[in-house]
Amino acid sequence: MRIQLESTSCGWSAETLIELDQQRVLVIRTARASGNLSNLVTRATVSTHLEDGELIYDIGGDARQGDFDQLLASTPCMQNSYLTKELVLEQHDKAMGTLPDIRTRISQHYRHVPPLDCSACREEPGAHHG
């Protein structure tokens, strides 16, 4: 488990990928919110590994639940200010400290959710199914 840091035009972002099983990966990402640039957010999402290594997130649909997605933290910040590496790492580290709780919520989420059928995923690389 390794934190990947990246500097962008809006400031720093941090991302950690955690293998959950042979098919699913937990992604914890801390960055400025895309729709609301005045917040620093940390989200936990689960995606499915395709055979070629690509990750796909199932948004779900009317009759079924999609992949796990949860907001872990949201901190107001100045919209025009640059997010420092220290601020991003501090919030990311706090979220990582709740990993046992996140894993429990993921297990509960997938208790009745079958694995994604990736046969359609291979036909539409990069597509989000739902």
N, C-alpha and C. Protein backbone atom coordinates (compact mmCIF):
# COMPACT_ATOMS: atom_id res chain seq x y z
N MET A 1 0.86 -1.17 0.00
CA MET A 1 0.00 0.00 0.00
C MET A 1 0.91 1.23 0.00
N ARG A 2 0.72 2.09 -1.00
CA ARG A 2 1.60 3.23 -1.18
C ARG A 2 0.76 4.44 -1.60
N ILE A 3 1.08 5.59 -1.01
CA ILE A 3 0.40 6.83 -1.37
C ILE A 3 1.09 7.42 -2.60
N GLN A 4 0.31 7.71 -3.61
CA GLN A 4 0.84 8.37 -4.80
C GLN A 4 0.44 9.84 -4.73
N LEU A 5 1.43 10.72 -4.72
CA LEU A 5 1.19 12.16 -4.67
C LEU A 5 1.36 12.76 -6.05
N GLU A 6 0.51 13.76 -6.35
CA GLU A 6 0.61 14.43 -7.63
C GLU A 6 0.32 15.91 -7.43
N SER A 7 1.11 16.74 -8.07
CA SER A 7 0.89 18.19 -8.04
C SER A 7 0.13 18.58 -9.30
N THR A 8 -1.01 19.27 -9.10
CA THR A 8 -1.82 19.70 -10.23
C THR A 8 -1.95 21.21 -10.21
N SER A 9 -2.65 21.77 -11.16
CA SER A 9 -2.85 23.22 -11.20
C SER A 9 -3.69 23.71 -10.01
N CYS A 10 -4.46 22.80 -9.39
CA CYS A 10 -5.31 23.16 -8.24
C CYS A 10 -4.65 22.82 -6.91
N GLY A 11 -3.47 22.27 -6.94
CA GLY A 11 -2.79 21.86 -5.72
C GLY A 11 -2.49 20.37 -5.75
N TRP A 12 -2.12 19.84 -4.61
CA TRP A 12 -1.72 18.45 -4.51
C TRP A 12 -2.92 17.53 -4.42
N SER A 13 -2.71 16.27 -4.81
CA SER A 13 -3.69 15.21 -4.61
C SER A 13 -2.93 13.97 -4.13
N ALA A 14 -3.64 13.12 -3.40
CA ALA A 14 -3.05 11.88 -2.89
C ALA A 14 -4.00 10.74 -3.21
N GLU A 15 -3.43 9.59 -3.57
CA GLU A 15 -4.24 8.43 -3.91
C GLU A 15 -3.56 7.17 -3.41
N THR A 16 -4.35 6.28 -2.80
CA THR A 16 -3.85 5.00 -2.34
C THR A 16 -4.73 3.90 -2.91
N LEU A 17 -4.12 2.89 -3.52
CA LEU A 17 -4.84 1.73 -4.04
C LEU A 17 -4.56 0.54 -3.14
N ILE A 18 -5.64 -0.16 -2.75
CA ILE A 18 -5.53 -1.30 -1.85
C ILE A 18 -6.26 -2.47 -2.48
N GLU A 19 -5.54 -3.56 -2.75
CA GLU A 19 -6.15 -4.76 -3.32
C GLU A 19 -7.05 -5.38 -2.26
N LEU A 20 -8.32 -5.58 -2.60
CA LEU A 20 -9.26 -6.21 -1.66
C LEU A 20 -9.35 -7.71 -1.88
N ASP A 21 -9.35 -8.12 -3.12
CA ASP A 21 -9.36 -9.52 -3.51
C ASP A 21 -8.82 -9.60 -4.93
N GLN A 22 -9.01 -10.73 -5.59
CA GLN A 22 -8.46 -10.88 -6.94
C GLN A 22 -9.13 -9.96 -7.95
N GLN A 23 -10.33 -9.47 -7.63
CA GLN A 23 -11.06 -8.69 -8.61
C GLN A 23 -11.25 -7.22 -8.21
N ARG A 24 -11.36 -6.92 -6.94
CA ARG A 24 -11.72 -5.56 -6.50
C ARG A 24 -10.56 -4.82 -5.87
N VAL A 25 -10.56 -3.49 -6.10
CA VAL A 25 -9.53 -2.60 -5.59
C VAL A 25 -10.20 -1.41 -4.91
N LEU A 26 -9.74 -1.08 -3.71
CA LEU A 26 -10.21 0.10 -3.00
C LEU A 26 -9.30 1.26 -3.37
N VAL A 27 -9.89 2.37 -3.78
CA VAL A 27 -9.14 3.58 -4.12
C VAL A 27 -9.55 4.66 -3.12
N ILE A 28 -8.58 5.16 -2.37
CA ILE A 28 -8.82 6.29 -1.48
C ILE A 28 -8.09 7.47 -2.09
N ARG A 29 -8.85 8.53 -2.39
CA ARG A 29 -8.30 9.70 -3.09
C ARG A 29 -8.66 10.97 -2.34
N THR A 30 -7.67 11.82 -2.16
CA THR A 30 -7.84 13.13 -1.54
C THR A 30 -7.42 14.18 -2.54
N ALA A 31 -8.34 15.09 -2.86
CA ALA A 31 -8.06 16.14 -3.85
C ALA A 31 -9.14 17.20 -3.75
N ARG A 32 -8.91 18.30 -4.42
CA ARG A 32 -9.93 19.33 -4.51
C ARG A 32 -11.13 18.75 -5.25
N ALA A 33 -12.33 19.02 -4.74
CA ALA A 33 -13.56 18.48 -5.35
C ALA A 33 -13.71 19.01 -6.76
N SER A 34 -14.09 18.14 -7.69
CA SER A 34 -14.19 18.56 -9.09
C SER A 34 -15.35 19.52 -9.32
N GLY A 35 -16.48 19.30 -8.66
CA GLY A 35 -17.62 20.18 -8.87
C GLY A 35 -17.65 21.38 -7.94
N ASN A 36 -16.88 21.32 -6.87
CA ASN A 36 -16.88 22.37 -5.86
C ASN A 36 -15.43 22.62 -5.47
N LEU A 37 -14.76 23.49 -6.18
CA LEU A 37 -13.33 23.70 -5.97
C LEU A 37 -12.99 24.31 -4.62
N SER A 38 -14.00 24.64 -3.81
CA SER A 38 -13.70 25.23 -2.51
C SER A 38 -13.59 24.17 -1.41
N ASN A 39 -13.68 22.88 -1.76
CA ASN A 39 -13.55 21.83 -0.76
C ASN A 39 -12.44 20.85 -1.12
N LEU A 40 -11.73 20.42 -0.09
CA LEU A 40 -10.77 19.32 -0.20
C LEU A 40 -11.52 18.08 0.26
N VAL A 41 -11.66 17.09 -0.61
CA VAL A 41 -12.45 15.91 -0.28
C VAL A 41 -11.61 14.63 -0.34
N THR A 42 -12.01 13.68 0.48
CA THR A 42 -11.42 12.35 0.46
C THR A 42 -12.56 11.37 0.25
N ARG A 43 -12.43 10.54 -0.78
CA ARG A 43 -13.46 9.55 -1.12
C ARG A 43 -12.83 8.16 -1.13
N ALA A 44 -13.65 7.19 -0.78
CA ALA A 44 -13.27 5.78 -0.89
C ALA A 44 -14.18 5.16 -1.93
N THR A 45 -13.62 4.60 -2.97
CA THR A 45 -14.40 3.92 -4.01
C THR A 45 -13.78 2.55 -4.27
N VAL A 46 -14.62 1.63 -4.69
CA VAL A 46 -14.14 0.31 -5.06
C VAL A 46 -14.38 0.13 -6.55
N SER A 47 -13.37 -0.36 -7.23
CA SER A 47 -13.45 -0.62 -8.67
C SER A 47 -13.06 -2.07 -8.93
N THR A 48 -13.36 -2.53 -10.14
CA THR A 48 -13.04 -3.90 -10.55
C THR A 48 -11.86 -3.87 -11.50
N HIS A 49 -10.92 -4.80 -11.26
CA HIS A 49 -9.77 -4.98 -12.16
C HIS A 49 -10.22 -5.72 -13.41
N LEU A 50 -9.90 -5.20 -14.56
CA LEU A 50 -10.06 -5.96 -15.79
C LEU A 50 -8.78 -6.75 -16.02
N GLU A 51 -8.83 -7.72 -16.91
CA GLU A 51 -7.64 -8.55 -17.16
C GLU A 51 -6.45 -7.75 -17.65
N ASP A 52 -6.70 -6.63 -18.35
CA ASP A 52 -5.60 -5.82 -18.86
C ASP A 52 -5.07 -4.83 -17.82
N GLY A 53 -5.59 -4.91 -16.59
CA GLY A 53 -5.11 -4.03 -15.52
C GLY A 53 -5.92 -2.75 -15.36
N GLU A 54 -6.80 -2.46 -16.30
CA GLU A 54 -7.64 -1.27 -16.22
C GLU A 54 -8.64 -1.43 -15.08
N LEU A 55 -9.00 -0.32 -14.43
CA LEU A 55 -10.02 -0.33 -13.38
C LEU A 55 -11.32 0.21 -13.94
N ILE A 56 -12.43 -0.40 -13.54
CA ILE A 56 -13.74 0.07 -13.97
C ILE A 56 -14.63 0.18 -12.75
N TYR A 57 -15.42 1.24 -12.69
CA TYR A 57 -16.34 1.49 -11.59
C TYR A 57 -17.77 1.30 -12.11
N ASP A 58 -18.54 0.46 -11.42
CA ASP A 58 -19.92 0.19 -11.81
C ASP A 58 -20.83 1.17 -11.07
N ILE A 59 -21.51 2.05 -11.80
CA ILE A 59 -22.36 3.06 -11.17
C ILE A 59 -23.69 2.48 -10.71
N GLY A 60 -23.99 1.25 -11.07
CA GLY A 60 -25.25 0.63 -10.66
C GLY A 60 -26.35 0.97 -11.63
N GLY A 61 -27.55 0.64 -11.24
CA GLY A 61 -28.70 0.89 -12.10
C GLY A 61 -29.98 0.79 -11.30
N ASP A 62 -31.10 0.84 -11.98
CA ASP A 62 -32.39 0.81 -11.31
C ASP A 62 -32.59 -0.46 -10.49
N ALA A 63 -32.17 -1.59 -11.01
CA ALA A 63 -32.45 -2.86 -10.35
C ALA A 63 -31.28 -3.39 -9.52
N ARG A 64 -30.14 -2.72 -9.54
CA ARG A 64 -29.01 -3.25 -8.78
C ARG A 64 -28.16 -2.12 -8.21
N GLN A 65 -27.46 -2.48 -7.18
CA GLN A 65 -26.58 -1.56 -6.49
C GLN A 65 -25.23 -1.53 -7.21
N GLY A 66 -24.63 -0.36 -7.31
CA GLY A 66 -23.33 -0.24 -7.95
C GLY A 66 -22.19 -0.48 -6.97
N ASP A 67 -21.00 -0.12 -7.39
CA ASP A 67 -19.82 -0.28 -6.54
C ASP A 67 -19.85 0.69 -5.37
N PHE A 68 -19.08 0.35 -4.36
CA PHE A 68 -18.97 1.15 -3.14
C PHE A 68 -18.37 2.52 -3.45
N ASP A 69 -18.97 3.56 -2.88
CA ASP A 69 -18.48 4.94 -3.03
C ASP A 69 -18.92 5.71 -1.80
N GLN A 70 -17.95 6.25 -1.05
CA GLN A 70 -18.31 6.98 0.16
C GLN A 70 -17.39 8.18 0.34
N LEU A 71 -18.01 9.30 0.69
CA LEU A 71 -17.27 10.50 1.06
C LEU A 71 -16.76 10.28 2.48
N LEU A 72 -15.45 10.38 2.67
CA LEU A 72 -14.85 10.18 3.99
C LEU A 72 -14.60 11.50 4.72
N ALA A 73 -14.27 12.55 3.96
CA ALA A 73 -13.97 13.85 4.57
C ALA A 73 -14.13 14.95 3.54
N SER A 74 -14.57 16.11 4.02
CA SER A 74 -14.68 17.30 3.18
C SER A 74 -14.30 18.49 4.03
N THR A 75 -13.27 19.19 3.59
CA THR A 75 -12.76 20.33 4.34
C THR A 75 -12.84 21.57 3.48
N PRO A 76 -13.51 22.63 3.98
CA PRO A 76 -13.55 23.87 3.20
C PRO A 76 -12.14 24.45 3.04
N CYS A 77 -11.88 25.00 1.88
CA CYS A 77 -10.61 25.68 1.62
C CYS A 77 -10.88 26.83 0.65
N MET A 78 -10.00 27.76 0.60
CA MET A 78 -10.18 28.90 -0.30
C MET A 78 -10.16 28.41 -1.74
N GLN A 79 -11.14 28.80 -2.53
CA GLN A 79 -11.26 28.32 -3.90
C GLN A 79 -10.03 28.66 -4.74
N ASN A 80 -9.47 29.82 -4.55
CA ASN A 80 -8.33 30.22 -5.37
C ASN A 80 -6.98 29.91 -4.74
N SER A 81 -6.99 29.30 -3.55
CA SER A 81 -5.72 29.00 -2.90
C SER A 81 -5.18 27.66 -3.39
N TYR A 82 -3.88 27.53 -3.35
CA TYR A 82 -3.19 26.32 -3.77
C TYR A 82 -3.20 25.34 -2.60
N LEU A 83 -3.59 24.09 -2.83
CA LEU A 83 -3.59 23.09 -1.77
C LEU A 83 -2.17 22.59 -1.55
N THR A 84 -1.70 22.69 -0.33
CA THR A 84 -0.34 22.26 -0.04
C THR A 84 -0.27 20.74 0.13
N LYS A 85 0.89 20.23 -0.07
CA LYS A 85 1.16 18.80 0.09
C LYS A 85 0.85 18.37 1.52
N GLU A 86 1.21 19.20 2.49
CA GLU A 86 1.01 18.87 3.90
C GLU A 86 -0.49 18.76 4.24
N LEU A 87 -1.29 19.69 3.75
CA LEU A 87 -2.73 19.69 4.01
C LEU A 87 -3.39 18.44 3.42
N VAL A 88 -3.03 18.12 2.20
CA VAL A 88 -3.59 16.94 1.52
C VAL A 88 -3.16 15.66 2.25
N LEU A 89 -1.89 15.55 2.60
CA LEU A 89 -1.40 14.35 3.29
C LEU A 89 -2.04 14.19 4.66
N GLU A 90 -2.25 15.28 5.37
CA GLU A 90 -2.87 15.21 6.70
C GLU A 90 -4.28 14.63 6.59
N GLN A 91 -5.08 15.15 5.67
CA GLN A 91 -6.44 14.64 5.52
C GLN A 91 -6.44 13.21 5.02
N HIS A 92 -5.55 12.89 4.09
CA HIS A 92 -5.45 11.53 3.53
C HIS A 92 -5.05 10.55 4.63
N ASP A 93 -4.08 10.90 5.44
CA ASP A 93 -3.62 10.03 6.52
C ASP A 93 -4.73 9.77 7.54
N LYS A 94 -5.53 10.79 7.86
CA LYS A 94 -6.66 10.60 8.78
C LYS A 94 -7.65 9.59 8.21
N ALA A 95 -7.93 9.70 6.92
CA ALA A 95 -8.85 8.75 6.28
C ALA A 95 -8.26 7.34 6.30
N MET A 96 -6.98 7.22 6.03
CA MET A 96 -6.33 5.91 6.04
C MET A 96 -6.38 5.28 7.44
N GLY A 97 -6.43 6.11 8.46
CA GLY A 97 -6.54 5.61 9.83
C GLY A 97 -7.87 4.93 10.11
N THR A 98 -8.86 5.16 9.25
CA THR A 98 -10.18 4.54 9.42
C THR A 98 -10.34 3.31 8.52
N LEU A 99 -9.24 2.81 7.99
CA LEU A 99 -9.29 1.69 7.04
C LEU A 99 -10.05 0.47 7.56
N PRO A 100 -9.88 0.05 8.82
CA PRO A 100 -10.67 -1.11 9.29
C PRO A 100 -12.18 -0.86 9.18
N ASP A 101 -12.63 0.33 9.53
CA ASP A 101 -14.05 0.68 9.43
C ASP A 101 -14.50 0.70 7.96
N ILE A 102 -13.67 1.24 7.09
CA ILE A 102 -14.00 1.28 5.65
C ILE A 102 -14.14 -0.14 5.11
N ARG A 103 -13.22 -1.02 5.50
CA ARG A 103 -13.28 -2.41 5.03
C ARG A 103 -14.57 -3.10 5.50
N THR A 104 -15.00 -2.79 6.72
CA THR A 104 -16.26 -3.35 7.24
C THR A 104 -17.44 -2.87 6.42
N ARG A 105 -17.47 -1.57 6.10
CA ARG A 105 -18.56 -1.02 5.30
C ARG A 105 -18.55 -1.61 3.88
N ILE A 106 -17.37 -1.84 3.34
CA ILE A 106 -17.27 -2.45 2.01
C ILE A 106 -17.82 -3.87 2.03
N SER A 107 -17.44 -4.64 3.05
CA SER A 107 -17.95 -6.02 3.18
C SER A 107 -19.46 -6.03 3.26
N GLN A 108 -20.03 -5.12 4.03
CA GLN A 108 -21.48 -5.03 4.15
C GLN A 108 -22.11 -4.64 2.81
N HIS A 109 -21.48 -3.73 2.10
CA HIS A 109 -22.00 -3.27 0.82
C HIS A 109 -22.07 -4.41 -0.20
N TYR A 110 -21.03 -5.24 -0.24
CA TYR A 110 -20.94 -6.29 -1.25
C TYR A 110 -21.54 -7.63 -0.79
N ARG A 111 -22.10 -7.66 0.40
CA ARG A 111 -22.68 -8.91 0.91
C ARG A 111 -23.70 -9.48 -0.07
N HIS A 112 -24.49 -8.62 -0.71
CA HIS A 112 -25.52 -9.10 -1.62
C HIS A 112 -25.32 -8.58 -3.05
N VAL A 113 -24.13 -8.12 -3.36
CA VAL A 113 -23.84 -7.59 -4.69
C VAL A 113 -22.92 -8.57 -5.41
N PRO A 114 -23.38 -9.19 -6.51
CA PRO A 114 -22.51 -10.12 -7.23
C PRO A 114 -21.38 -9.36 -7.93
N PRO A 115 -20.26 -10.03 -8.17
CA PRO A 115 -19.16 -9.38 -8.90
C PRO A 115 -19.62 -8.91 -10.28
N LEU A 116 -19.02 -7.86 -10.77
CA LEU A 116 -19.34 -7.30 -12.08
C LEU A 116 -18.99 -8.31 -13.17
N ASP A 117 -19.90 -8.52 -14.11
CA ASP A 117 -19.63 -9.37 -15.26
C ASP A 117 -18.80 -8.56 -16.24
N CYS A 118 -17.53 -8.90 -16.33
CA CYS A 118 -16.61 -8.09 -17.13
C CYS A 118 -16.58 -8.48 -18.60
N SER A 119 -17.42 -9.40 -19.04
CA SER A 119 -17.42 -9.75 -20.47
C SER A 119 -17.82 -8.55 -21.31
N ALA A 120 -18.76 -7.75 -20.85
CA ALA A 120 -19.16 -6.53 -21.58
C ALA A 120 -18.10 -5.46 -21.47
N CYS A 121 -17.36 -5.47 -20.37
CA CYS A 121 -16.30 -4.46 -20.17
C CYS A 121 -15.23 -4.58 -21.23
N ARG A 122 -14.92 -5.82 -21.64
CA ARG A 122 -13.88 -6.01 -22.64
C ARG A 122 -14.31 -5.46 -24.00
N GLU A 123 -15.62 -5.45 -24.25
CA GLU A 123 -16.11 -4.93 -25.52
C GLU A 123 -16.06 -3.40 -25.57
N GLU A 124 -16.14 -2.77 -24.41
CA GLU A 124 -16.16 -1.30 -24.34
C GLU A 124 -15.10 -0.85 -23.34
N PRO A 125 -13.81 -0.89 -23.70
CA PRO A 125 -12.77 -0.51 -22.75
C PRO A 125 -12.98 0.88 -22.20
N GLY A 126 -12.84 0.99 -20.88
CA GLY A 126 -12.97 2.31 -20.25
C GLY A 126 -14.38 2.71 -19.97
N ALA A 127 -15.35 1.92 -20.38
CA ALA A 127 -16.76 2.28 -20.20
C ALA A 127 -17.18 2.07 -18.76
N HIS A 128 -18.09 2.89 -18.31
CA HIS A 128 -18.70 2.72 -17.00
C HIS A 128 -20.05 2.08 -17.23
N HIS A 129 -20.24 0.92 -16.65
CA HIS A 129 -21.48 0.19 -16.88
C HIS A 129 -22.45 0.48 -15.77
N GLY A 130 -23.72 0.56 -16.10
CA GLY A 130 -24.72 0.79 -15.08
C GLY A 130 -26.00 1.05 -15.63
